N, C-alpha and C. Protein backbone atom coordinates (compact mmCIF):
# COMPACT_ATOMS: atom_id res chain seq x y z
N MET A 1 0.81 -1.19 0.00
CA MET A 1 0.00 0.00 0.00
C MET A 1 0.86 1.26 0.00
N LYS A 2 1.92 1.25 0.80
CA LYS A 2 2.80 2.42 0.85
C LYS A 2 3.50 2.64 -0.49
N THR A 3 3.88 1.53 -1.12
CA THR A 3 4.56 1.67 -2.42
C THR A 3 3.61 2.22 -3.47
N THR A 4 2.35 1.85 -3.41
CA THR A 4 1.38 2.35 -4.37
C THR A 4 1.17 3.85 -4.19
N MET A 5 1.03 4.29 -2.95
CA MET A 5 0.86 5.72 -2.68
C MET A 5 2.11 6.50 -3.08
N LYS A 6 3.26 5.92 -2.80
CA LYS A 6 4.52 6.58 -3.16
C LYS A 6 4.63 6.69 -4.68
N SER A 7 4.22 5.65 -5.41
CA SER A 7 4.25 5.67 -6.87
C SER A 7 3.28 6.70 -7.43
N ILE A 8 2.10 6.80 -6.82
CA ILE A 8 1.11 7.78 -7.28
C ILE A 8 1.63 9.20 -7.05
N LYS A 9 2.22 9.45 -5.89
CA LYS A 9 2.80 10.78 -5.61
C LYS A 9 3.93 11.10 -6.59
N TYR A 10 4.76 10.10 -6.88
CA TYR A 10 5.86 10.29 -7.83
C TYR A 10 5.33 10.59 -9.23
N LEU A 11 4.32 9.85 -9.68
CA LEU A 11 3.74 10.10 -11.00
C LEU A 11 3.08 11.47 -11.06
N PHE A 12 2.39 11.88 -10.00
CA PHE A 12 1.78 13.19 -9.96
C PHE A 12 2.84 14.29 -10.05
N ALA A 13 3.95 14.12 -9.32
CA ALA A 13 5.03 15.12 -9.36
C ALA A 13 5.65 15.20 -10.76
N MET A 14 5.85 14.05 -11.41
CA MET A 14 6.41 14.04 -12.76
C MET A 14 5.44 14.66 -13.76
N PHE A 15 4.17 14.37 -13.63
CA PHE A 15 3.15 14.95 -14.50
C PHE A 15 3.11 16.47 -14.35
N PHE A 16 3.15 16.94 -13.10
CA PHE A 16 3.13 18.37 -12.84
C PHE A 16 4.38 19.05 -13.42
N ALA A 17 5.54 18.46 -13.21
CA ALA A 17 6.79 19.05 -13.72
C ALA A 17 6.80 19.07 -15.25
N PHE A 18 6.32 18.02 -15.88
CA PHE A 18 6.27 17.96 -17.33
C PHE A 18 5.35 19.04 -17.89
N ASN A 19 4.16 19.17 -17.31
CA ASN A 19 3.22 20.19 -17.79
C ASN A 19 3.70 21.60 -17.51
N LEU A 20 4.39 21.81 -16.41
CA LEU A 20 4.96 23.12 -16.13
C LEU A 20 6.04 23.48 -17.16
N GLY A 21 6.84 22.49 -17.54
CA GLY A 21 7.85 22.72 -18.59
C GLY A 21 7.21 23.03 -19.93
N LEU A 22 6.14 22.31 -20.28
CA LEU A 22 5.44 22.60 -21.54
C LEU A 22 4.85 24.00 -21.53
N LEU A 23 4.21 24.37 -20.43
CA LEU A 23 3.62 25.70 -20.33
C LEU A 23 4.68 26.78 -20.47
N THR A 24 5.81 26.60 -19.83
CA THR A 24 6.90 27.57 -19.92
C THR A 24 7.43 27.68 -21.35
N ALA A 25 7.61 26.55 -22.01
CA ALA A 25 8.10 26.57 -23.39
C ALA A 25 7.11 27.26 -24.33
N PHE A 26 5.83 26.98 -24.17
CA PHE A 26 4.82 27.63 -25.01
C PHE A 26 4.78 29.13 -24.78
N LEU A 27 4.90 29.56 -23.52
CA LEU A 27 4.88 30.99 -23.23
C LEU A 27 6.10 31.70 -23.82
N VAL A 28 7.24 31.06 -23.75
CA VAL A 28 8.45 31.67 -24.32
C VAL A 28 8.31 31.79 -25.84
N ILE A 29 7.81 30.74 -26.48
CA ILE A 29 7.63 30.78 -27.93
C ILE A 29 6.55 31.79 -28.31
N TYR A 30 5.47 31.86 -27.55
CA TYR A 30 4.37 32.77 -27.87
C TYR A 30 4.79 34.23 -27.73
N ASP A 31 5.63 34.52 -26.75
CA ASP A 31 6.06 35.90 -26.51
C ASP A 31 7.20 36.34 -27.41
N ASN A 32 7.73 35.44 -28.22
CA ASN A 32 8.83 35.80 -29.10
C ASN A 32 8.28 36.58 -30.30
N GLU A 33 8.36 37.87 -30.24
CA GLU A 33 7.77 38.76 -31.26
C GLU A 33 8.47 38.62 -32.61
N GLU A 34 9.76 38.33 -32.60
CA GLU A 34 10.50 38.24 -33.86
C GLU A 34 9.98 37.09 -34.72
N ASP A 35 9.77 35.93 -34.12
CA ASP A 35 9.29 34.78 -34.88
C ASP A 35 7.88 35.00 -35.41
N ARG A 36 7.08 35.76 -34.67
CA ARG A 36 5.69 35.97 -35.06
C ARG A 36 5.60 36.82 -36.33
N ASN A 37 6.50 37.75 -36.50
CA ASN A 37 6.40 38.69 -37.62
C ASN A 37 7.40 38.44 -38.74
N THR A 38 8.29 37.50 -38.59
CA THR A 38 9.35 37.32 -39.57
C THR A 38 8.81 36.91 -40.94
N SER A 39 7.92 35.95 -40.99
CA SER A 39 7.44 35.49 -42.29
C SER A 39 6.61 36.57 -42.98
N ALA A 40 5.81 37.31 -42.22
CA ALA A 40 5.03 38.39 -42.82
C ALA A 40 5.94 39.48 -43.36
N ASN A 41 7.01 39.78 -42.65
CA ASN A 41 7.95 40.81 -43.11
C ASN A 41 8.65 40.39 -44.39
N ILE A 42 9.02 39.11 -44.50
CA ILE A 42 9.69 38.62 -45.70
C ILE A 42 8.76 38.71 -46.90
N ILE A 43 7.52 38.29 -46.72
CA ILE A 43 6.56 38.34 -47.83
C ILE A 43 6.28 39.79 -48.23
N ASN A 44 6.10 40.67 -47.25
CA ASN A 44 5.86 42.09 -47.56
C ASN A 44 7.06 42.72 -48.24
N ARG A 45 8.24 42.32 -47.86
CA ARG A 45 9.44 42.88 -48.47
C ARG A 45 9.50 42.51 -49.95
N GLN A 46 9.12 41.28 -50.29
CA GLN A 46 9.13 40.90 -51.70
C GLN A 46 8.04 41.62 -52.47
N MET A 47 6.85 41.73 -51.87
CA MET A 47 5.74 42.37 -52.57
C MET A 47 5.98 43.86 -52.78
N ASN A 48 6.67 44.51 -51.86
CA ASN A 48 6.88 45.95 -51.95
C ASN A 48 8.21 46.32 -52.61
N TYR A 49 8.96 45.33 -53.05
CA TYR A 49 10.24 45.63 -53.68
C TYR A 49 9.98 46.26 -55.05
N HIS A 50 10.67 47.34 -55.31
CA HIS A 50 10.43 48.09 -56.55
C HIS A 50 10.85 47.27 -57.78
N ASP A 51 10.02 47.32 -58.80
CA ASP A 51 10.37 46.67 -60.05
C ASP A 51 11.35 47.54 -60.81
N LYS A 52 12.52 47.01 -61.02
CA LYS A 52 13.55 47.73 -61.77
C LYS A 52 13.91 46.88 -62.97
N GLU A 53 14.40 47.53 -63.98
CA GLU A 53 14.76 46.80 -65.19
C GLU A 53 15.99 45.91 -64.98
N CYS A 54 16.80 46.24 -63.99
CA CYS A 54 18.02 45.47 -63.80
C CYS A 54 17.79 44.21 -62.96
N TYR A 55 16.61 44.07 -62.31
CA TYR A 55 16.30 42.89 -61.52
C TYR A 55 15.14 42.14 -62.15
N ASN A 56 15.28 40.82 -62.20
CA ASN A 56 14.14 40.02 -62.63
C ASN A 56 13.56 39.30 -61.41
N LYS A 57 12.54 38.51 -61.60
CA LYS A 57 11.85 37.84 -60.49
C LYS A 57 12.78 36.93 -59.71
N ILE A 58 13.64 36.21 -60.40
CA ILE A 58 14.57 35.29 -59.72
C ILE A 58 15.58 36.06 -58.88
N ASP A 59 16.06 37.20 -59.38
CA ASP A 59 17.00 38.01 -58.60
C ASP A 59 16.35 38.52 -57.31
N ILE A 60 15.11 38.96 -57.40
CA ILE A 60 14.41 39.46 -56.21
C ILE A 60 14.22 38.34 -55.20
N GLU A 61 13.86 37.15 -55.66
CA GLU A 61 13.70 36.02 -54.73
C GLU A 61 15.03 35.66 -54.07
N LEU A 62 16.12 35.76 -54.81
CA LEU A 62 17.43 35.50 -54.21
C LEU A 62 17.78 36.56 -53.18
N ILE A 63 17.46 37.82 -53.45
CA ILE A 63 17.74 38.90 -52.50
C ILE A 63 16.89 38.75 -51.25
N VAL A 64 15.60 38.50 -51.42
CA VAL A 64 14.67 38.49 -50.29
C VAL A 64 14.74 37.19 -49.51
N TYR A 65 14.67 36.06 -50.18
CA TYR A 65 14.58 34.76 -49.50
C TYR A 65 15.93 34.06 -49.37
N GLY A 66 16.88 34.37 -50.22
CA GLY A 66 18.16 33.69 -50.19
C GLY A 66 18.18 32.46 -51.07
N GLU A 67 17.05 32.10 -51.63
CA GLU A 67 16.95 30.97 -52.57
C GLU A 67 15.75 31.20 -53.46
N VAL A 68 15.75 30.51 -54.59
CA VAL A 68 14.64 30.65 -55.53
C VAL A 68 13.48 29.82 -55.02
N GLN A 69 12.31 30.43 -54.93
CA GLN A 69 11.12 29.74 -54.41
C GLN A 69 10.48 28.89 -55.48
């Protein structure tokens, strides 16, 4: 009986610690403003890039994304 109660307390403590770690990780990721806006900024940068005769579509994709999409 004591071993069962001890195992239940141990499992509860591990469950609590695991969920606390998940909550902390999600909050850190959610509050990271840079990651939230990075993809929107990249897309807007390509859409707002001025059309010049010296750049074609592939050149702009290389400048903005670093690779051809």
